[in-house]
């Protein structure tokens, strides 16, 4: 009996599926607020995507859906956090560091491993490795009160990275920091993320931050929240601080700023929809005129 020949293997294996998928998602809260309408997006493994838009457009709601902290009213959400056996694959970094004030930096970073059942001794090597990677090796015994704002956020990010997540969700983590610290942490974040095969979804109100960090910037309009534009940032990784001086950076910022202006124009401006509790005012959008100058004119 002659056996059929084996099927030839493809020289180009198919890419892995996205880690985060939203398909035609609508979200309405119990108070009647329509937070999201027909939102579709996907984030691939090893991809960094920024969400940008006016206050109240549902950016944080998208993160909470991907983290399994909210349920969609309709549509489909796919993410590891929605599967009990894969829930530990997702890490969430909030705008505030949310460190336990009574615990050292070491013990704060140990927390997620402790919840997984690892003793302090079992977790020590992983905790010290990630503290060293974020520049806090000498501060493992320090308490949050003794750390600067930037150091607290480093500890918060270390806590997120210590479990080696596949999905990293970040909700304006650097918004409260001064610009110099923020830019330094942007550069460091890309170093920590790059090469870890994580899907990163990053919420920000900063055009320059979105462009520096991400491969794609998704611009949202509000009330109801929806994605109205996508801007590709073609600069390869790794990216250094010098990227901010390049013409490519300036052009990408201008494209994102223009899309953001259009997003603001697309949202209703009536008193009845002028905002809701829990969203702070972030001022007008960063216009093209406020983007960085051309290379060499910092």
C-alpha atoms as a PDB file:
ATOM      1  CA  UNK A   1       0.000   0.000   0.000  1.00  0.00           C
ATOM      2  CA  UNK A   2       1.435   3.305  -1.068  1.00  0.00           C
ATOM      3  CA  UNK A   3       1.140   6.060   1.482  1.00  0.00           C
ATOM      4  CA  UNK A   4       0.429   9.595   0.255  1.00  0.00           C
ATOM      5  CA  UNK A   5       3.377  11.958   0.584  1.00  0.00           C
ATOM      6  CA  UNK A   6       3.474  14.281   3.540  1.00  0.00           C
ATOM      7  CA  UNK A   7       2.098  17.710   2.886  1.00  0.00           C
ATOM      8  CA  UNK A   8       4.944  20.179   2.424  1.00  0.00           C
ATOM      9  CA  UNK A   9       5.495  22.397   5.406  1.00  0.00           C
ATOM     10  CA  UNK A  10       4.940  26.076   4.851  1.00  0.00           C
ATOM     11  CA  UNK A  11       8.173  28.111   4.804  1.00  0.00           C
ATOM     12  CA  UNK A  12       6.228  30.967   6.434  1.00  0.00           C
ATOM     13  CA  UNK A  13       4.326  29.782   9.517  1.00  0.00           C
ATOM     14  CA  UNK A  14       1.126  31.641  10.198  1.00  0.00           C
ATOM     15  CA  UNK A  15       1.456  34.442  12.765  1.00  0.00           C
ATOM     16  CA  UNK A  16       0.046  33.872  16.248  1.00  0.00           C
ATOM     17  CA  UNK A  17      -3.442  35.227  16.874  1.00  0.00           C
ATOM     18  CA  UNK A  18      -3.921  38.576  18.609  1.00  0.00           C
ATOM     19  CA  UNK A  19      -3.866  38.508  22.400  1.00  0.00           C
ATOM     20  CA  UNK A  20      -6.532  41.216  22.764  1.00  0.00           C
ATOM     21  CA  UNK A  21      -9.542  41.432  20.450  1.00  0.00           C
ATOM     22  CA  UNK A  22     -12.624  43.639  20.688  1.00  0.00           C
ATOM     23  CA  UNK A  23     -15.269  43.132  17.987  1.00  0.00           C
ATOM     24  CA  UNK A  24     -18.134  45.608  17.665  1.00  0.00           C
ATOM     25  CA  UNK A  25     -18.184  46.192  21.397  1.00  0.00           C
ATOM     26  CA  UNK A  26     -20.827  48.361  23.031  1.00  0.00           C
ATOM     27  CA  UNK A  27     -20.768  49.279  26.712  1.00  0.00           C
ATOM     28  CA  UNK A  28     -23.605  50.992  28.553  1.00  0.00           C
ATOM     29  CA  UNK A  29     -23.450  51.521  32.308  1.00  0.00           C
ATOM     30  CA  UNK A  30     -26.372  51.078  34.685  1.00  0.00           C
ATOM     31  CA  UNK A  31     -26.869  54.851  34.860  1.00  0.00           C
ATOM     32  CA  UNK A  32     -27.595  54.894  31.127  1.00  0.00           C
ATOM     33  CA  UNK A  33     -24.230  56.312  30.033  1.00  0.00           C
ATOM     34  CA  UNK A  34     -23.211  54.868  26.657  1.00  0.00           C
ATOM     35  CA  UNK A  35     -19.451  54.555  27.203  1.00  0.00           C
ATOM     36  CA  UNK A  36     -18.508  52.657  24.029  1.00  0.00           C
ATOM     37  CA  UNK A  37     -20.168  52.148  20.673  1.00  0.00           C
ATOM     38  CA  UNK A  38     -19.078  49.669  18.005  1.00  0.00           C
ATOM     39  CA  UNK A  39     -15.439  49.513  19.129  1.00  0.00           C
ATOM     40  CA  UNK A  40     -13.219  47.039  17.294  1.00  0.00           C
ATOM     41  CA  UNK A  41      -9.480  46.627  17.821  1.00  0.00           C
ATOM     42  CA  UNK A  42      -6.792  43.972  18.132  1.00  0.00           C
ATOM     43  CA  UNK A  43      -3.373  43.875  19.778  1.00  0.00           C
ATOM     44  CA  UNK A  44      -0.837  41.299  18.627  1.00  0.00           C
ATOM     45  CA  UNK A  45       1.815  39.608  20.752  1.00  0.00           C
ATOM     46  CA  UNK A  46       4.900  41.832  20.935  1.00  0.00           C
ATOM     47  CA  UNK A  47       2.883  44.866  19.806  1.00  0.00           C
ATOM     48  CA  UNK A  48       2.625  48.212  21.612  1.00  0.00           C
ATOM     49  CA  UNK A  49      -0.611  50.112  20.965  1.00  0.00           C
ATOM     50  CA  UNK A  50      -1.585  53.484  22.450  1.00  0.00           C
ATOM     51  CA  UNK A  51      -5.136  54.686  23.062  1.00  0.00           C
ATOM     52  CA  UNK A  52      -5.523  58.443  22.815  1.00  0.00           C
ATOM     53  CA  UNK A  53      -8.604  60.624  23.013  1.00  0.00           C
ATOM     54  CA  UNK A  54     -10.537  63.264  24.953  1.00  0.00           C
ATOM     55  CA  UNK A  55     -11.412  62.725  28.583  1.00  0.00           C
ATOM     56  CA  UNK A  56     -14.453  60.504  28.970  1.00  0.00           C
ATOM     57  CA  UNK A  57     -14.123  58.739  25.613  1.00  0.00           C
ATOM     58  CA  UNK A  58     -13.893  55.279  27.142  1.00  0.00           C
ATOM     59  CA  UNK A  59     -10.153  54.570  26.979  1.00  0.00           C
ATOM     60  CA  UNK A  60     -10.043  53.229  30.523  1.00  0.00           C
ATOM     61  CA  UNK A  61     -13.215  51.234  29.870  1.00  0.00           C
ATOM     62  CA  UNK A  62     -11.440  49.463  26.999  1.00  0.00           C
ATOM     63  CA  UNK A  63      -8.614  48.528  29.380  1.00  0.00           C
ATOM     64  CA  UNK A  64     -11.071  47.273  31.988  1.00  0.00           C
ATOM     65  CA  UNK A  65     -12.795  45.118  29.380  1.00  0.00           C
ATOM     66  CA  UNK A  66      -9.446  43.605  28.364  1.00  0.00           C
ATOM     67  CA  UNK A  67      -8.623  43.023  32.046  1.00  0.00           C
ATOM     68  CA  UNK A  68     -11.915  41.287  32.739  1.00  0.00           C
ATOM     69  CA  UNK A  69     -12.950  44.022  35.193  1.00  0.00           C
ATOM     70  CA  UNK A  70     -15.975  45.036  33.112  1.00  0.00           C
ATOM     71  CA  UNK A  71     -18.289  43.097  30.815  1.00  0.00           C
ATOM     72  CA  UNK A  72     -19.381  44.356  27.407  1.00  0.00           C
ATOM     73  CA  UNK A  73     -23.065  45.113  26.922  1.00  0.00           C
ATOM     74  CA  UNK A  74     -22.797  43.571  23.455  1.00  0.00           C
ATOM     75  CA  UNK A  75     -20.095  42.516  21.061  1.00  0.00           C
ATOM     76  CA  UNK A  76     -17.149  40.208  21.643  1.00  0.00           C
ATOM     77  CA  UNK A  77     -14.078  40.572  23.851  1.00  0.00           C
ATOM     78  CA  UNK A  78     -11.198  38.087  23.721  1.00  0.00           C
ATOM     79  CA  UNK A  79      -8.311  38.369  26.176  1.00  0.00           C
ATOM     80  CA  UNK A  80      -6.370  36.031  28.476  1.00  0.00           C
ATOM     81  CA  UNK A  81      -7.863  37.723  31.551  1.00  0.00           C
ATOM     82  CA  UNK A  82     -11.303  36.376  30.623  1.00  0.00           C
ATOM     83  CA  UNK A  83     -10.091  32.772  30.900  1.00  0.00           C
ATOM     84  CA  UNK A  84      -9.650  31.531  34.492  1.00  0.00           C
ATOM     85  CA  UNK A  85      -6.703  29.336  33.571  1.00  0.00           C
ATOM     86  CA  UNK A  86      -4.910  32.304  31.935  1.00  0.00           C
ATOM     87  CA  UNK A  87      -5.885  35.154  34.249  1.00  0.00           C
ATOM     88  CA  UNK A  88      -2.323  35.472  35.592  1.00  0.00           C
ATOM     89  CA  UNK A  89      -1.082  36.361  32.091  1.00  0.00           C
ATOM     90  CA  UNK A  90      -2.434  39.928  32.421  1.00  0.00           C
ATOM     91  CA  UNK A  91      -0.875  42.785  34.399  1.00  0.00           C
ATOM     92  CA  UNK A  92      -2.512  46.181  34.985  1.00  0.00           C
ATOM     93  CA  UNK A  93      -0.580  49.358  35.879  1.00  0.00           C
ATOM     94  CA  UNK A  94      -2.792  52.183  37.121  1.00  0.00           C
ATOM     95  CA  UNK A  95      -2.282  55.947  37.089  1.00  0.00           C
ATOM     96  CA  UNK A  96      -1.329  55.815  40.780  1.00  0.00           C
ATOM     97  CA  UNK A  97       1.377  53.367  41.907  1.00  0.00           C
ATOM     98  CA  UNK A  98      -1.071  51.735  44.412  1.00  0.00           C
ATOM     99  CA  UNK A  99       1.771  50.428  46.573  1.00  0.00           C
ATOM    100  CA  UNK A 100       1.083  49.115  50.063  1.00  0.00           C
ATOM    101  CA  UNK A 101       2.541  51.833  52.338  1.00  0.00           C
ATOM    102  CA  UNK A 102       3.343  49.354  55.129  1.00  0.00           C
ATOM    103  CA  UNK A 103       5.391  47.080  52.837  1.00  0.00           C
ATOM    104  CA  UNK A 104       8.892  47.434  51.421  1.00  0.00           C
ATOM    105  CA  UNK A 105       9.550  47.674  47.698  1.00  0.00           C
ATOM    106  CA  UNK A 106      10.531  43.985  47.775  1.00  0.00           C
ATOM    107  CA  UNK A 107       7.289  42.946  49.460  1.00  0.00           C
ATOM    108  CA  UNK A 108       5.178  45.090  47.119  1.00  0.00           C
ATOM    109  CA  UNK A 109       6.735  43.413  44.090  1.00  0.00           C
ATOM    110  CA  UNK A 110       6.439  39.989  45.726  1.00  0.00           C
ATOM    111  CA  UNK A 111       2.659  40.429  46.207  1.00  0.00           C
ATOM    112  CA  UNK A 112       1.395  38.858  42.926  1.00  0.00           C
ATOM    113  CA  UNK A 113       3.770  35.909  43.321  1.00  0.00           C
ATOM    114  CA  UNK A 114       2.657  35.571  46.931  1.00  0.00           C
ATOM    115  CA  UNK A 115      -0.947  35.390  45.743  1.00  0.00           C
ATOM    116  CA  UNK A 116       0.136  32.579  43.405  1.00  0.00           C
ATOM    117  CA  UNK A 117       1.428  30.651  46.417  1.00  0.00           C
ATOM    118  CA  UNK A 118       5.157  31.409  46.254  1.00  0.00           C
ATOM    119  CA  UNK A 119       6.937  31.987  49.547  1.00  0.00           C
ATOM    120  CA  UNK A 120       9.251  34.935  50.055  1.00  0.00           C
ATOM    121  CA  UNK A 121      12.256  32.659  49.613  1.00  0.00           C
ATOM    122  CA  UNK A 122      10.834  31.050  46.477  1.00  0.00           C
ATOM    123  CA  UNK A 123      10.077  34.442  44.936  1.00  0.00           C
ATOM    124  CA  UNK A 124      13.282  36.199  46.011  1.00  0.00           C
ATOM    125  CA  UNK A 125      15.290  35.612  42.835  1.00  0.00           C
ATOM    126  CA  UNK A 126      12.482  36.764  40.534  1.00  0.00           C
ATOM    127  CA  UNK A 127      11.708  39.818  42.678  1.00  0.00           C
ATOM    128  CA  UNK A 128      15.348  40.916  42.878  1.00  0.00           C
ATOM    129  CA  UNK A 129      15.842  40.393  39.144  1.00  0.00           C
ATOM    130  CA  UNK A 130      12.897  42.595  38.195  1.00  0.00           C
ATOM    131  CA  UNK A 131      13.799  45.239  40.797  1.00  0.00           C
ATOM    132  CA  UNK A 132      17.279  45.393  39.275  1.00  0.00           C
ATOM    133  CA  UNK A 133      15.830  45.686  35.767  1.00  0.00           C
ATOM    134  CA  UNK A 134      13.844  48.795  36.768  1.00  0.00           C
ATOM    135  CA  UNK A 135      16.761  50.387  38.631  1.00  0.00           C
ATOM    136  CA  UNK A 136      15.618  49.668  42.186  1.00  0.00           C
ATOM    137  CA  UNK A 137      18.095  47.004  43.227  1.00  0.00           C
ATOM    138  CA  UNK A 138      19.434  49.196  46.030  1.00  0.00           C
ATOM    139  CA  UNK A 139      15.961  50.105  47.291  1.00  0.00           C
ATOM    140  CA  UNK A 140      14.358  46.722  47.899  1.00  0.00           C
ATOM    141  CA  UNK A 141      14.094  47.424  51.647  1.00  0.00           C
ATOM    142  CA  UNK A 142      12.756  50.973  51.188  1.00  0.00           C
ATOM    143  CA  UNK A 143       9.133  51.793  51.985  1.00  0.00           C
ATOM    144  CA  UNK A 144       6.990  53.827  49.555  1.00  0.00           C
ATOM    145  CA  UNK A 145       7.205  56.955  51.723  1.00  0.00           C
ATOM    146  CA  UNK A 146      10.957  57.008  51.098  1.00  0.00           C
ATOM    147  CA  UNK A 147      10.629  56.711  47.300  1.00  0.00           C
ATOM    148  CA  UNK A 148      10.185  59.507  44.767  1.00  0.00           C
ATOM    149  CA  UNK A 149       7.187  59.537  42.451  1.00  0.00           C
ATOM    150  CA  UNK A 150       9.214  58.039  39.618  1.00  0.00           C
ATOM    151  CA  UNK A 151      10.641  55.339  41.876  1.00  0.00           C
ATOM    152  CA  UNK A 152       7.163  54.413  43.123  1.00  0.00           C
ATOM    153  CA  UNK A 153       6.007  53.979  39.537  1.00  0.00           C
ATOM    154  CA  UNK A 154       9.076  51.852  38.786  1.00  0.00           C
ATOM    155  CA  UNK A 155       8.112  49.632  41.705  1.00  0.00           C
ATOM    156  CA  UNK A 156       4.548  49.426  40.392  1.00  0.00           C
ATOM    157  CA  UNK A 157       5.797  48.398  36.937  1.00  0.00           C
ATOM    158  CA  UNK A 158       8.179  45.865  38.517  1.00  0.00           C
ATOM    159  CA  UNK A 159       5.212  44.349  40.339  1.00  0.00           C
ATOM    160  CA  UNK A 160       3.434  44.039  36.983  1.00  0.00           C
ATOM    161  CA  UNK A 161       6.432  42.490  35.211  1.00  0.00           C
ATOM    162  CA  UNK A 162       7.396  39.991  37.923  1.00  0.00           C
ATOM    163  CA  UNK A 163       4.739  37.502  36.801  1.00  0.00           C
ATOM    164  CA  UNK A 164       6.042  37.630  33.199  1.00  0.00           C
ATOM    165  CA  UNK A 165       2.645  38.617  31.771  1.00  0.00           C
ATOM    166  CA  UNK A 166       1.674  38.246  28.139  1.00  0.00           C
ATOM    167  CA  UNK A 167      -0.638  41.280  28.302  1.00  0.00           C
ATOM    168  CA  UNK A 168       0.389  44.608  29.836  1.00  0.00           C
ATOM    169  CA  UNK A 169      -2.381  47.173  30.374  1.00  0.00           C
ATOM    170  CA  UNK A 170      -1.335  50.677  31.447  1.00  0.00           C
ATOM    171  CA  UNK A 171      -3.751  53.490  32.336  1.00  0.00           C
ATOM    172  CA  UNK A 172      -1.872  56.824  32.199  1.00  0.00           C
ATOM    173  CA  UNK A 173       0.888  55.557  34.513  1.00  0.00           C
ATOM    174  CA  UNK A 174       3.138  58.607  34.047  1.00  0.00           C
ATOM    175  CA  UNK A 175       0.522  61.382  33.985  1.00  0.00           C
ATOM    176  CA  UNK A 176       1.395  62.750  37.441  1.00  0.00           C
ATOM    177  CA  UNK A 177       5.167  62.861  36.876  1.00  0.00           C
ATOM    178  CA  UNK A 178       7.308  65.793  35.750  1.00  0.00           C
ATOM    179  CA  UNK A 179       8.235  65.795  32.073  1.00  0.00           C
ATOM    180  CA  UNK A 180      11.896  64.807  32.531  1.00  0.00           C
ATOM    181  CA  UNK A 181      10.989  61.810  34.694  1.00  0.00           C
ATOM    182  CA  UNK A 182       8.173  60.918  32.309  1.00  0.00           C
ATOM    183  CA  UNK A 183      10.441  60.892  29.260  1.00  0.00           C
ATOM    184  CA  UNK A 184      13.035  58.788  31.086  1.00  0.00           C
ATOM    185  CA  UNK A 185      10.392  56.262  32.119  1.00  0.00           C
ATOM    186  CA  UNK A 186       9.054  56.164  28.540  1.00  0.00           C
ATOM    187  CA  UNK A 187      12.509  55.159  27.318  1.00  0.00           C
ATOM    188  CA  UNK A 188      12.944  52.643  30.136  1.00  0.00           C
ATOM    189  CA  UNK A 189       9.478  51.163  29.589  1.00  0.00           C
ATOM    190  CA  UNK A 190      10.315  50.303  25.988  1.00  0.00           C
ATOM    191  CA  UNK A 191      13.467  48.536  27.181  1.00  0.00           C
ATOM    192  CA  UNK A 192      11.497  46.520  29.740  1.00  0.00           C
ATOM    193  CA  UNK A 193       8.756  45.664  27.225  1.00  0.00           C
ATOM    194  CA  UNK A 194      10.855  44.961  24.140  1.00  0.00           C
ATOM    195  CA  UNK A 195      11.662  41.315  23.601  1.00  0.00           C
ATOM    196  CA  UNK A 196       9.206  39.997  26.217  1.00  0.00           C
ATOM    197  CA  UNK A 197       6.520  39.086  23.615  1.00  0.00           C
ATOM    198  CA  UNK A 198       3.932  41.118  25.509  1.00  0.00           C
ATOM    199  CA  UNK A 199       0.904  42.800  24.012  1.00  0.00           C
ATOM    200  CA  UNK A 200       0.888  46.302  25.512  1.00  0.00           C
ATOM    201  CA  UNK A 201      -2.168  48.577  25.508  1.00  0.00           C
ATOM    202  CA  UNK A 202      -1.306  52.025  26.875  1.00  0.00           C
ATOM    203  CA  UNK A 203      -3.769  54.842  27.658  1.00  0.00           C
ATOM    204  CA  UNK A 204      -2.456  58.407  27.532  1.00  0.00           C
ATOM    205  CA  UNK A 205      -3.522  61.994  26.877  1.00  0.00           C
ATOM    206  CA  UNK A 206      -0.092  62.904  25.483  1.00  0.00           C
ATOM    207  CA  UNK A 207       0.469  62.924  21.727  1.00  0.00           C
ATOM    208  CA  UNK A 208       4.256  62.795  22.086  1.00  0.00           C
ATOM    209  CA  UNK A 209       4.132  59.943  24.593  1.00  0.00           C
ATOM    210  CA  UNK A 210       1.804  57.915  22.357  1.00  0.00           C
ATOM    211  CA  UNK A 211       4.064  58.372  19.323  1.00  0.00           C
ATOM    212  CA  UNK A 212       7.297  57.640  21.193  1.00  0.00           C
ATOM    213  CA  UNK A 213       6.036  54.402  22.725  1.00  0.00           C
ATOM    214  CA  UNK A 214       3.771  52.747  20.224  1.00  0.00           C
ATOM    215  CA  UNK A 215       3.629  51.120  16.834  1.00  0.00           C
ATOM    216  CA  UNK A 216       0.007  52.165  16.396  1.00  0.00           C
ATOM    217  CA  UNK A 217      -1.954  55.024  17.926  1.00  0.00           C
ATOM    218  CA  UNK A 218      -5.713  54.521  18.082  1.00  0.00           C
ATOM    219  CA  UNK A 219      -7.560  57.825  18.414  1.00  0.00           C
ATOM    220  CA  UNK A 220     -10.966  57.777  20.074  1.00  0.00           C
ATOM    221  CA  UNK A 221     -13.883  60.201  20.062  1.00  0.00           C
ATOM    222  CA  UNK A 222     -16.303  60.472  22.966  1.00  0.00           C
ATOM    223  CA  UNK A 223     -19.970  60.094  23.851  1.00  0.00           C
ATOM    224  CA  UNK A 224     -20.175  57.422  22.817  1.00  0.00           C
ATOM    225  CA  UNK A 225     -16.562  56.284  22.733  1.00  0.00           C
ATOM    226  CA  UNK A 226     -15.393  54.867  19.422  1.00  0.00           C
ATOM    227  CA  UNK A 227     -12.164  54.533  17.460  1.00  0.00           C
ATOM    228  CA  UNK A 228     -12.086  57.189  14.745  1.00  0.00           C
ATOM    229  CA  UNK A 229      -8.489  57.015  13.477  1.00  0.00           C
ATOM    230  CA  UNK A 230      -5.374  54.867  13.466  1.00  0.00           C
ATOM    231  CA  UNK A 231      -1.880  56.298  12.950  1.00  0.00           C
ATOM    232  CA  UNK A 232       1.065  54.007  12.284  1.00  0.00           C
ATOM    233  CA  UNK A 233       4.457  54.835  13.802  1.00  0.00           C
ATOM    234  CA  UNK A 234       6.997  53.074  11.600  1.00  0.00           C
ATOM    235  CA  UNK A 235      10.120  53.736  13.667  1.00  0.00           C
ATOM    236  CA  UNK A 236      11.630  50.348  14.582  1.00  0.00           C
ATOM    237  CA  UNK A 237      12.556  49.272  18.087  1.00  0.00           C
ATOM    238  CA  UNK A 238      14.645  49.769  20.093  1.00  0.00           C
ATOM    239  CA  UNK A 239      13.953  53.504  20.246  1.00  0.00           C
ATOM    240  CA  UNK A 240      16.251  55.923  21.997  1.00  0.00           C
ATOM    241  CA  UNK A 241      15.592  59.436  23.247  1.00  0.00           C
ATOM    242  CA  UNK A 242      17.064  60.746  19.963  1.00  0.00           C
ATOM    243  CA  UNK A 243      13.928  59.549  18.165  1.00  0.00           C
ATOM    244  CA  UNK A 244      12.162  62.613  19.603  1.00  0.00           C
ATOM    245  CA  UNK A 245      14.495  64.862  17.550  1.00  0.00           C
ATOM    246  CA  UNK A 246      13.764  63.142  14.248  1.00  0.00           C
ATOM    247  CA  UNK A 247      11.571  64.340  11.408  1.00  0.00           C
ATOM    248  CA  UNK A 248       9.714  61.007  11.517  1.00  0.00           C
ATOM    249  CA  UNK A 249       8.702  61.710  15.119  1.00  0.00           C
ATOM    250  CA  UNK A 250       7.514  65.224  14.271  1.00  0.00           C
ATOM    251  CA  UNK A 251       5.458  64.032  11.322  1.00  0.00           C
ATOM    252  CA  UNK A 252       3.843  61.246  13.338  1.00  0.00           C
ATOM    253  CA  UNK A 253       2.995  63.716  16.111  1.00  0.00           C
ATOM    254  CA  UNK A 254       1.379  66.051  13.606  1.00  0.00           C
ATOM    255  CA  UNK A 255      -0.701  63.219  12.145  1.00  0.00           C
ATOM    256  CA  UNK A 256      -1.867  62.095  15.586  1.00  0.00           C
ATOM    257  CA  UNK A 257      -2.571  65.675  16.707  1.00  0.00           C
ATOM    258  CA  UNK A 258      -4.681  66.306  13.608  1.00  0.00           C
ATOM    259  CA  UNK A 259      -6.646  63.114  14.240  1.00  0.00           C
ATOM    260  CA  UNK A 260      -7.158  64.166  17.862  1.00  0.00           C
ATOM    261  CA  UNK A 261      -8.501  67.577  16.812  1.00  0.00           C
ATOM    262  CA  UNK A 262     -10.944  65.795  14.499  1.00  0.00           C
ATOM    263  CA  UNK A 263     -11.948  63.487  17.366  1.00  0.00           C
ATOM    264  CA  UNK A 264     -12.731  66.459  19.588  1.00  0.00           C
ATOM    265  CA  UNK A 265     -14.792  68.030  16.808  1.00  0.00           C
ATOM    266  CA  UNK A 266     -16.727  64.781  16.372  1.00  0.00           C
ATOM    267  CA  UNK A 267     -18.024  64.622  19.943  1.00  0.00           C
ATOM    268  CA  UNK A 268     -21.213  66.364  21.083  1.00  0.00           C
ATOM    269  CA  UNK A 269     -20.637  69.550  23.074  1.00  0.00           C
ATOM    270  CA  UNK A 270     -24.054  69.950  24.690  1.00  0.00           C
ATOM    271  CA  UNK A 271     -24.347  70.548  28.411  1.00  0.00           C
ATOM    272  CA  UNK A 272     -26.089  67.198  28.841  1.00  0.00           C
ATOM    273  CA  UNK A 273     -23.048  65.329  27.518  1.00  0.00           C
ATOM    274  CA  UNK A 274     -20.295  67.630  28.745  1.00  0.00           C
ATOM    275  CA  UNK A 275     -18.866  64.971  31.045  1.00  0.00           C
ATOM    276  CA  UNK A 276     -19.574  62.693  33.944  1.00  0.00           C
ATOM    277  CA  UNK A 277     -18.230  62.152  37.429  1.00  0.00           C
ATOM    278  CA  UNK A 278     -14.861  60.523  37.762  1.00  0.00           C
ATOM    279  CA  UNK A 279     -13.199  62.084  34.703  1.00  0.00           C
ATOM    280  CA  UNK A 280     -10.832  64.971  35.305  1.00  0.00           C
ATOM    281  CA  UNK A 281     -10.481  67.754  32.779  1.00  0.00           C
ATOM    282  CA  UNK A 282      -7.357  67.452  30.668  1.00  0.00           C
ATOM    283  CA  UNK A 283      -7.621  70.667  28.691  1.00  0.00           C
ATOM    284  CA  UNK A 284      -7.704  71.089  24.930  1.00  0.00           C
ATOM    285  CA  UNK A 285      -6.024  68.592  22.607  1.00  0.00           C
ATOM    286  CA  UNK A 286      -2.368  68.944  21.765  1.00  0.00           C
ATOM    287  CA  UNK A 287      -2.494  70.638  18.385  1.00  0.00           C
ATOM    288  CA  UNK A 288      -0.051  70.313  15.541  1.00  0.00           C
ATOM    289  CA  UNK A 289       1.366  73.682  16.528  1.00  0.00           C
ATOM    290  CA  UNK A 290       2.223  72.234  19.945  1.00  0.00           C
ATOM    291  CA  UNK A 291       4.081  69.256  18.512  1.00  0.00           C
ATOM    292  CA  UNK A 292       7.889  69.133  18.776  1.00  0.00           C
ATOM    293  CA  UNK A 293       9.916  71.272  16.382  1.00  0.00           C
ATOM    294  CA  UNK A 294      11.747  69.696  13.496  1.00  0.00           C
ATOM    295  CA  UNK A 295      14.884  67.713  14.136  1.00  0.00           C
ATOM    296  CA  UNK A 296      17.702  69.720  15.615  1.00  0.00           C
ATOM    297  CA  UNK A 297      15.377  72.437  16.961  1.00  0.00           C
ATOM    298  CA  UNK A 298      14.421  70.992  20.304  1.00  0.00           C
END
